[in-house]
C-alpha atoms as a PDB file:
ATOM      1  CA  MET A   1     -17.638  19.508   0.165  1.00  0.00           C
ATOM      2  CA  THR A   2     -18.739  16.323  -1.755  1.00  0.00           C
ATOM      3  CA  GLU A   3     -18.338  13.290   0.360  1.00  0.00           C
ATOM      4  CA  PRO A   4     -15.831  10.921  -1.530  1.00  0.00           C
ATOM      5  CA  THR A   5     -17.185   7.805  -2.730  1.00  0.00           C
ATOM      6  CA  LYS A   6     -16.301   4.699  -0.901  1.00  0.00           C
ATOM      7  CA  ARG A   7     -14.239   2.256  -2.692  1.00  0.00           C
ATOM      8  CA  VAL A   8     -15.727  -1.402  -3.026  1.00  0.00           C
ATOM      9  CA  VAL A   9     -13.019  -3.878  -2.318  1.00  0.00           C
ATOM     10  CA  TRP A  10     -13.201  -7.625  -2.934  1.00  0.00           C
ATOM     11  CA  ILE A  11     -10.462  -9.598  -1.206  1.00  0.00           C
ATOM     12  CA  THR A  12     -10.111 -13.369  -1.753  1.00  0.00           C
ATOM     13  CA  GLY A  13      -8.510 -15.623   0.926  1.00  0.00           C
ATOM     14  CA  ALA A  14      -9.560 -12.964   3.500  1.00  0.00           C
ATOM     15  CA  GLY A  15      -9.909 -15.461   6.410  1.00  0.00           C
ATOM     16  CA  THR A  16      -6.254 -15.357   7.436  1.00  0.00           C
ATOM     17  CA  GLY A  17      -2.941 -13.762   6.810  1.00  0.00           C
ATOM     18  CA  ILE A  18      -2.437 -10.940   4.364  1.00  0.00           C
ATOM     19  CA  GLY A  19      -6.040 -10.940   3.292  1.00  0.00           C
ATOM     20  CA  GLU A  20      -7.426 -10.705   6.595  1.00  0.00           C
ATOM     21  CA  ALA A  21      -4.903  -7.791   7.667  1.00  0.00           C
ATOM     22  CA  LEU A  22      -5.736  -6.019   4.161  1.00  0.00           C
ATOM     23  CA  ALA A  23      -9.547  -6.247   4.819  1.00  0.00           C
ATOM     24  CA  GLU A  24      -9.074  -4.580   8.196  1.00  0.00           C
ATOM     25  CA  ARG A  25      -6.980  -1.884   6.912  1.00  0.00           C
ATOM     26  CA  CYS A  26      -9.315  -1.050   4.090  1.00  0.00           C
ATOM     27  CA  ALA A  27     -12.377  -1.119   6.367  1.00  0.00           C
ATOM     28  CA  ALA A  28     -10.499   1.161   8.666  1.00  0.00           C
ATOM     29  CA  HIS A  29      -9.915   3.676   5.896  1.00  0.00           C
ATOM     30  CA  GLY A  30     -13.579   3.743   5.017  1.00  0.00           C
ATOM     31  CA  ASP A  31     -13.795   1.023   2.107  1.00  0.00           C
ATOM     32  CA  ILE A  32     -16.704  -1.249   1.519  1.00  0.00           C
ATOM     33  CA  VAL A  33     -14.923  -4.715   2.075  1.00  0.00           C
ATOM     34  CA  LEU A  34     -16.231  -7.825   0.445  1.00  0.00           C
ATOM     35  CA  ALA A  35     -14.354 -10.647   2.049  1.00  0.00           C
ATOM     36  CA  THR A  36     -14.322 -14.260   0.755  1.00  0.00           C
ATOM     37  CA  ALA A  37     -12.678 -17.447   1.803  1.00  0.00           C
ATOM     38  CA  ARG A  38     -13.524 -21.079   2.098  1.00  0.00           C
ATOM     39  CA  THR A  39     -14.186 -21.247   5.841  1.00  0.00           C
ATOM     40  CA  GLU A  40     -17.278 -19.420   7.142  1.00  0.00           C
ATOM     41  CA  THR A  41     -16.415 -19.222  10.646  1.00  0.00           C
ATOM     42  CA  ARG A  42     -13.137 -17.048   9.903  1.00  0.00           C
ATOM     43  CA  LEU A  43     -15.045 -14.875   7.707  1.00  0.00           C
ATOM     44  CA  SER A  44     -17.713 -14.319  10.515  1.00  0.00           C
ATOM     45  CA  THR A  45     -15.021 -13.483  12.979  1.00  0.00           C
ATOM     46  CA  LEU A  46     -13.479 -11.073  10.564  1.00  0.00           C
ATOM     47  CA  ALA A  47     -16.777  -9.325   9.870  1.00  0.00           C
ATOM     48  CA  ASP A  48     -17.488  -8.979  13.650  1.00  0.00           C
ATOM     49  CA  ARG A  49     -14.134  -7.419  14.278  1.00  0.00           C
ATOM     50  CA  ILE A  50     -14.557  -4.913  11.454  1.00  0.00           C
ATOM     51  CA  SER A  51     -18.087  -4.148  12.396  1.00  0.00           C
ATOM     52  CA  ARG A  52     -16.990  -3.455  16.083  1.00  0.00           C
ATOM     53  CA  SER A  53     -14.329  -1.110  14.878  1.00  0.00           C
ATOM     54  CA  GLY A  54     -16.996   0.899  12.856  1.00  0.00           C
ATOM     55  CA  GLY A  55     -16.254  -0.459   9.426  1.00  0.00           C
ATOM     56  CA  PHE A  56     -18.372  -2.431   6.852  1.00  0.00           C
ATOM     57  CA  CYS A  57     -17.628  -6.010   5.852  1.00  0.00           C
ATOM     58  CA  ARG A  58     -19.878  -8.209   3.781  1.00  0.00           C
ATOM     59  CA  THR A  59     -18.720 -11.893   3.601  1.00  0.00           C
ATOM     60  CA  ALA A  60     -19.527 -14.737   1.321  1.00  0.00           C
ATOM     61  CA  VAL A  61     -17.879 -18.257   1.087  1.00  0.00           C
ATOM     62  CA  CYS A  62     -16.186 -18.805  -2.003  1.00  0.00           C
ATOM     63  CA  ASP A  63     -13.822 -21.559  -3.323  1.00  0.00           C
ATOM     64  CA  VAL A  64     -11.923 -19.804  -6.088  1.00  0.00           C
ATOM     65  CA  ARG A  65     -11.503 -23.183  -7.926  1.00  0.00           C
ATOM     66  CA  ASN A  66     -15.108 -23.654  -8.416  1.00  0.00           C
ATOM     67  CA  ASP A  67     -16.207 -21.517 -11.524  1.00  0.00           C
ATOM     68  CA  ALA A  68     -20.048 -21.729 -10.523  1.00  0.00           C
ATOM     69  CA  ASN A  69     -19.387 -20.565  -7.040  1.00  0.00           C
ATOM     70  CA  VAL A  70     -17.086 -17.635  -8.274  1.00  0.00           C
ATOM     71  CA  ALA A  71     -19.671 -16.554 -10.736  1.00  0.00           C
ATOM     72  CA  SER A  72     -22.515 -16.672  -8.230  1.00  0.00           C
ATOM     73  CA  VAL A  73     -20.575 -14.622  -5.608  1.00  0.00           C
ATOM     74  CA  ALA A  74     -19.534 -12.114  -8.244  1.00  0.00           C
ATOM     75  CA  LYS A  75     -23.044 -11.692  -9.430  1.00  0.00           C
ATOM     76  CA  GLN A  76     -24.299 -11.291  -5.852  1.00  0.00           C
ATOM     77  CA  PHE A  77     -21.796  -8.604  -5.126  1.00  0.00           C
ATOM     78  CA  LEU A  78     -22.233  -6.617  -8.418  1.00  0.00           C
ATOM     79  CA  ALA A  79     -25.994  -6.970  -7.827  1.00  0.00           C
ATOM     80  CA  GLU A  80     -25.814  -5.262  -4.344  1.00  0.00           C
ATOM     81  CA  PHE A  81     -22.914  -2.889  -4.842  1.00  0.00           C
ATOM     82  CA  GLY A  82     -23.159  -2.059  -8.455  1.00  0.00           C
ATOM     83  CA  ARG A  83     -19.321  -2.342  -8.914  1.00  0.00           C
ATOM     84  CA  ILE A  84     -16.070  -3.703  -7.796  1.00  0.00           C
ATOM     85  CA  ASP A  85     -13.417  -0.917  -7.655  1.00  0.00           C
ATOM     86  CA  VAL A  86     -10.494  -2.882  -6.310  1.00  0.00           C
ATOM     87  CA  LEU A  87     -10.063  -6.676  -6.756  1.00  0.00           C
ATOM     88  CA  VAL A  88      -7.407  -8.460  -4.531  1.00  0.00           C
ATOM     89  CA  ASN A  89      -6.554 -11.947  -5.742  1.00  0.00           C
ATOM     90  CA  ASN A  90      -5.132 -13.241  -2.470  1.00  0.00           C
ATOM     91  CA  ALA A  91      -6.283 -16.839  -2.178  1.00  0.00           C
ATOM     92  CA  GLY A  92      -3.579 -19.176  -2.226  1.00  0.00           C
ATOM     93  CA  VAL A  93      -2.254 -22.579  -1.079  1.00  0.00           C
ATOM     94  CA  THR A  94       1.121 -24.323  -1.115  1.00  0.00           C
ATOM     95  CA  SER A  95       2.898 -27.766  -0.642  1.00  0.00           C
ATOM     96  CA  PHE A  96       6.358 -28.074   0.882  1.00  0.00           C
ATOM     97  CA  LYS A  97       7.309 -31.171  -1.076  1.00  0.00           C
ATOM     98  CA  ASP A  98      10.127 -31.828  -3.535  1.00  0.00           C
ATOM     99  CA  PHE A  99       9.230 -32.543  -7.255  1.00  0.00           C
ATOM    100  CA  LEU A 100       9.325 -36.392  -6.857  1.00  0.00           C
ATOM    101  CA  ARG A 101       6.823 -36.165  -3.843  1.00  0.00           C
ATOM    102  CA  THR A 102       4.444 -33.848  -5.471  1.00  0.00           C
ATOM    103  CA  THR A 103       1.366 -35.910  -6.566  1.00  0.00           C
ATOM    104  CA  VAL A 104      -0.967 -35.095  -9.315  1.00  0.00           C
ATOM    105  CA  GLU A 105      -3.648 -34.225  -6.480  1.00  0.00           C
ATOM    106  CA  ILE A 106      -1.314 -31.868  -4.814  1.00  0.00           C
ATOM    107  CA  PHE A 107      -0.285 -30.258  -8.105  1.00  0.00           C
ATOM    108  CA  ASP A 108      -3.756 -29.788  -9.217  1.00  0.00           C
ATOM    109  CA  GLU A 109      -4.872 -28.215  -5.772  1.00  0.00           C
ATOM    110  CA  VAL A 110      -1.982 -25.671  -5.935  1.00  0.00           C
ATOM    111  CA  VAL A 111      -2.339 -24.690  -9.632  1.00  0.00           C
ATOM    112  CA  GLU A 112      -6.108 -24.591  -9.517  1.00  0.00           C
ATOM    113  CA  THR A 113      -6.175 -22.322  -6.529  1.00  0.00           C
ATOM    114  CA  ASN A 114      -3.234 -20.087  -7.191  1.00  0.00           C
ATOM    115  CA  LEU A 115      -3.424 -19.703 -11.125  1.00  0.00           C
ATOM    116  CA  ARG A 116      -6.873 -21.015 -12.248  1.00  0.00           C
ATOM    117  CA  GLY A 117      -8.718 -19.435  -9.308  1.00  0.00           C
ATOM    118  CA  LEU A 118      -7.007 -15.957  -9.989  1.00  0.00           C
ATOM    119  CA  PHE A 119      -8.252 -16.260 -13.528  1.00  0.00           C
ATOM    120  CA  LEU A 120     -11.833 -17.267 -12.577  1.00  0.00           C
ATOM    121  CA  VAL A 121     -12.117 -14.464 -10.074  1.00  0.00           C
ATOM    122  CA  THR A 122     -10.721 -11.742 -12.308  1.00  0.00           C
ATOM    123  CA  SER A 123     -12.771 -12.849 -15.345  1.00  0.00           C
ATOM    124  CA  SER A 124     -15.888 -12.630 -13.087  1.00  0.00           C
ATOM    125  CA  VAL A 125     -15.509  -8.676 -12.471  1.00  0.00           C
ATOM    126  CA  LEU A 126     -13.421  -7.508 -15.405  1.00  0.00           C
ATOM    127  CA  PRO A 127     -16.258  -6.870 -17.759  1.00  0.00           C
ATOM    128  CA  SER A 128     -17.787  -4.421 -15.134  1.00  0.00           C
ATOM    129  CA  MET A 129     -14.466  -2.678 -14.772  1.00  0.00           C
ATOM    130  CA  VAL A 130     -14.031  -2.428 -18.640  1.00  0.00           C
ATOM    131  CA  ALA A 131     -17.413  -0.863 -18.778  1.00  0.00           C
ATOM    132  CA  ALA A 132     -16.686   1.690 -16.208  1.00  0.00           C
ATOM    133  CA  LYS A 133     -13.286   2.360 -17.572  1.00  0.00           C
ATOM    134  CA  ARG A 134     -11.560   2.180 -14.139  1.00  0.00           C
ATOM    135  CA  GLY A 135     -10.552  -0.433 -11.543  1.00  0.00           C
ATOM    136  CA  THR A 136      -7.524  -1.941  -9.976  1.00  0.00           C
ATOM    137  CA  ILE A 137      -6.665  -5.620  -9.866  1.00  0.00           C
ATOM    138  CA  ILE A 138      -3.976  -6.607  -7.233  1.00  0.00           C
ATOM    139  CA  ASN A 139      -2.518 -10.028  -7.331  1.00  0.00           C
ATOM    140  CA  VAL A 140      -0.792 -11.301  -4.120  1.00  0.00           C
ATOM    141  CA  LEU A 141       1.762 -13.742  -5.730  1.00  0.00           C
ATOM    142  CA  SER A 142       5.101 -14.546  -4.082  1.00  0.00           C
ATOM    143  CA  PHE A 143       8.778 -13.918  -4.251  1.00  0.00           C
ATOM    144  CA  ALA A 144       9.010 -17.694  -5.155  1.00  0.00           C
ATOM    145  CA  ALA A 145       8.088 -16.604  -8.714  1.00  0.00           C
ATOM    146  CA  LYS A 146      11.374 -14.568  -8.861  1.00  0.00           C
ATOM    147  CA  VAL A 147      13.877 -17.043  -7.334  1.00  0.00           C
ATOM    148  CA  THR A 148      14.297 -20.821  -6.904  1.00  0.00           C
ATOM    149  CA  TYR A 149      13.243 -22.448  -3.569  1.00  0.00           C
ATOM    150  CA  GLU A 150      13.630 -26.238  -3.210  1.00  0.00           C
ATOM    151  CA  ARG A 151      10.366 -28.054  -2.382  1.00  0.00           C
ATOM    152  CA  SER A 152       8.126 -25.539  -4.040  1.00  0.00           C
ATOM    153  CA  SER A 153       8.004 -26.656  -7.689  1.00  0.00           C
ATOM    154  CA  ALA A 154       4.302 -26.576  -7.922  1.00  0.00           C
ATOM    155  CA  TYR A 155       3.872 -23.446  -6.023  1.00  0.00           C
ATOM    156  CA  ALA A 156       6.551 -21.518  -7.912  1.00  0.00           C
ATOM    157  CA  ALA A 157       4.925 -22.718 -11.135  1.00  0.00           C
ATOM    158  CA  SER A 158       1.564 -21.588 -10.197  1.00  0.00           C
ATOM    159  CA  LYS A 159       2.892 -17.993  -8.970  1.00  0.00           C
ATOM    160  CA  ALA A 160       5.060 -17.498 -11.975  1.00  0.00           C
ATOM    161  CA  GLY A 161       2.252 -18.304 -14.335  1.00  0.00           C
ATOM    162  CA  ALA A 162       0.079 -16.084 -12.648  1.00  0.00           C
ATOM    163  CA  GLU A 163       2.663 -13.266 -12.967  1.00  0.00           C
ATOM    164  CA  ALA A 164       2.937 -13.930 -16.542  1.00  0.00           C
ATOM    165  CA  MET A 165      -0.742 -13.903 -17.190  1.00  0.00           C
ATOM    166  CA  MET A 166      -1.252 -10.598 -15.273  1.00  0.00           C
ATOM    167  CA  ASN A 167       1.509  -8.846 -17.016  1.00  0.00           C
ATOM    168  CA  VAL A 168      -0.302  -9.714 -20.350  1.00  0.00           C
ATOM    169  CA  LEU A 169      -3.675  -8.443 -18.746  1.00  0.00           C
ATOM    170  CA  ARG A 170      -1.970  -5.283 -17.800  1.00  0.00           C
ATOM    171  CA  ALA A 171      -0.870  -4.512 -21.288  1.00  0.00           C
ATOM    172  CA  GLU A 172      -4.175  -5.147 -22.581  1.00  0.00           C
ATOM    173  CA  LEU A 173      -5.923  -3.060 -20.107  1.00  0.00           C
ATOM    174  CA  ARG A 174      -3.783   0.204 -20.098  1.00  0.00           C
ATOM    175  CA  ARG A 175      -6.059   1.912 -22.552  1.00  0.00           C
ATOM    176  CA  GLU A 176      -9.178   0.879 -20.531  1.00  0.00           C
ATOM    177  CA  GLY A 177      -8.073   2.746 -17.293  1.00  0.00           C
ATOM    178  CA  ILE A 178      -7.531  -0.345 -15.264  1.00  0.00           C
ATOM    179  CA  ARG A 179      -4.429  -0.900 -13.198  1.00  0.00           C
ATOM    180  CA  VAL A 180      -3.015  -4.296 -12.526  1.00  0.00           C
ATOM    181  CA  ILE A 181      -0.516  -4.737  -9.633  1.00  0.00           C
ATOM    182  CA  ASN A 182       1.551  -7.756  -8.993  1.00  0.00           C
ATOM    183  CA  VAL A 183       2.652  -8.136  -5.375  1.00  0.00           C
ATOM    184  CA  HIS A 184       5.468 -10.388  -4.507  1.00  0.00           C
ATOM    185  CA  PRO A 185       5.805 -10.897  -0.788  1.00  0.00           C
ATOM    186  CA  GLY A 186       8.788 -12.842   0.815  1.00  0.00           C
ATOM    187  CA  ALA A 187       8.334 -14.853   3.952  1.00  0.00           C
ATOM    188  CA  THR A 188       5.166 -13.632   5.876  1.00  0.00           C
ATOM    189  CA  LEU A 189       3.962 -15.025   9.234  1.00  0.00           C
ATOM    190  CA  THR A 190       0.798 -16.680   7.903  1.00  0.00           C
ATOM    191  CA  PRO A 191      -0.880 -20.137   8.121  1.00  0.00           C
ATOM    192  CA  ILE A 192       0.451 -21.027   4.751  1.00  0.00           C
ATOM    193  CA  TRP A 193       3.530 -21.979   6.705  1.00  0.00           C
ATOM    194  CA  HIS A 194       3.729 -25.125   8.757  1.00  0.00           C
ATOM    195  CA  ALA A 195       3.279 -24.406  12.507  1.00  0.00           C
ATOM    196  CA  SER A 196       6.851 -25.405  13.158  1.00  0.00           C
ATOM    197  CA  HIS A 197       8.182 -23.007  10.576  1.00  0.00           C
ATOM    198  CA  GLN A 198       6.073 -20.094  12.119  1.00  0.00           C
ATOM    199  CA  GLU A 199       7.418 -20.902  15.440  1.00  0.00           C
ATOM    200  CA  LYS A 200      11.093 -21.173  14.507  1.00  0.00           C
ATOM    201  CA  PHE A 201      11.398 -18.225  11.979  1.00  0.00           C
ATOM    202  CA  LYS A 202       8.533 -15.875  13.357  1.00  0.00           C
ATOM    203  CA  GLU A 203      11.240 -13.183  14.277  1.00  0.00           C
ATOM    204  CA  GLN A 204      12.521 -13.227  10.670  1.00  0.00           C
ATOM    205  CA  MET A 205       9.180 -13.208   8.865  1.00  0.00           C
ATOM    206  CA  MET A 206       7.141 -10.145   7.924  1.00  0.00           C
ATOM    207  CA  ASN A 207       4.083  -9.206   9.794  1.00  0.00           C
ATOM    208  CA  PRO A 208       0.907  -9.440   7.606  1.00  0.00           C
ATOM    209  CA  ALA A 209      -0.192  -6.197   8.709  1.00  0.00           C
ATOM    210  CA  ASP A 210       3.044  -4.440   7.395  1.00  0.00           C
ATOM    211  CA  VAL A 211       2.575  -6.282   4.004  1.00  0.00           C
ATOM    212  CA  ALA A 212      -0.979  -5.174   3.908  1.00  0.00           C
ATOM    213  CA  ARG A 213      -0.137  -1.648   4.542  1.00  0.00           C
ATOM    214  CA  ALA A 214       2.368  -1.572   1.667  1.00  0.00           C
ATOM    215  CA  ILE A 215      -0.435  -3.152  -0.558  1.00  0.00           C
ATOM    216  CA  TYR A 216      -2.998  -0.494   0.662  1.00  0.00           C
ATOM    217  CA  GLU A 217      -0.705   2.352   0.000  1.00  0.00           C
ATOM    218  CA  ALA A 218      -0.150   1.195  -3.583  1.00  0.00           C
ATOM    219  CA  SER A 219      -3.942   0.868  -4.177  1.00  0.00           C
ATOM    220  CA  VAL A 220      -4.684   4.415  -3.293  1.00  0.00           C
ATOM    221  CA  LEU A 221      -2.467   6.171  -5.537  1.00  0.00           C
ATOM    222  CA  PRO A 222      -3.815   8.441  -8.054  1.00  0.00           C
ATOM    223  CA  ASP A 223      -5.498   6.761 -11.085  1.00  0.00           C
ATOM    224  CA  SER A 224      -2.791   8.325 -13.277  1.00  0.00           C
ATOM    225  CA  VAL A 225      -0.125   6.257 -11.393  1.00  0.00           C
ATOM    226  CA  MET A 226       0.299   2.418 -11.581  1.00  0.00           C
ATOM    227  CA  VAL A 227       2.656   0.517  -9.488  1.00  0.00           C
ATOM    228  CA  GLU A 228       3.147  -2.475 -11.718  1.00  0.00           C
ATOM    229  CA  GLU A 229       5.255  -4.700  -9.300  1.00  0.00           C
ATOM    230  CA  LEU A 230       5.710  -4.489  -5.648  1.00  0.00           C
ATOM    231  CA  VAL A 231       8.391  -6.694  -4.142  1.00  0.00           C
ATOM    232  CA  ILE A 232       8.168  -6.898  -0.335  1.00  0.00           C
ATOM    233  CA  ARG A 233      10.863  -8.828   1.551  1.00  0.00           C
ATOM    234  CA  PRO A 234      12.107  -9.334   5.032  1.00  0.00           C
ATOM    235  CA  GLN A 235      14.892  -6.988   6.131  1.00  0.00           C
ATOM    236  CA  GLY A 236      17.077 -10.050   6.828  1.00  0.00           C
ATOM    237  CA  GLY A 237      16.455 -11.697   3.466  1.00  0.00           C
ATOM    238  CA  ASP A 238      15.425 -15.316   2.567  1.00  0.00           C
ATOM    239  CA  LEU A 239      14.754 -17.929   5.170  1.00  0.00           C
ATOM    240  CA  SER A 240      16.785 -21.038   5.327  1.00  0.00           C
ATOM    241  CA  VAL A 241      13.921 -23.507   5.819  1.00  0.00           C
END
């Protein structure tokens, strides 16, 4: 029997949270994991853990807001591995401030990371996917794009914009054999939350590993099937933060 080809999976924001958990799950199932984040120490810790478990993880420091940095990392990955089979746009930031207290600097950081960064990373690998006539793009967005949460105006705008952009991309790529999956997690126990929120609501939040499991399962469906949207929420519903 022919040995199945290992998937090459690039995960942004892989240093913590959902990205970290997904990197570990993909590696455990034999994928070649390409993990990027802004913090080298977190990436090194992740790569060591995956290596000790028998998996493969290549890392690179990448700030998704920096177009030159993104282009350089994409070029490096494509030169070494020849393709990206699955791209997971997971890097994201937020700010829990009401609209009047959201400065231009805060707004720019959130939108540049969550929306512009997603555009830059996707653009860096999309030509290779189109040439191969296959590929999967997974966008870890937020349930905040679906409902209204106070003190999340910049974050909600960035995630809703990303959803709209990727819905258009999905329509454009259907005939190219490329899948685009938008994931909308509810409250998940990750460092994107304040430490006080994590401590207070940890029993109500979802575990990143459980969210990663759902994302992974959607990614390994046959090429003829596309989960267009995946909404994952805590069983108890929304938090009252």
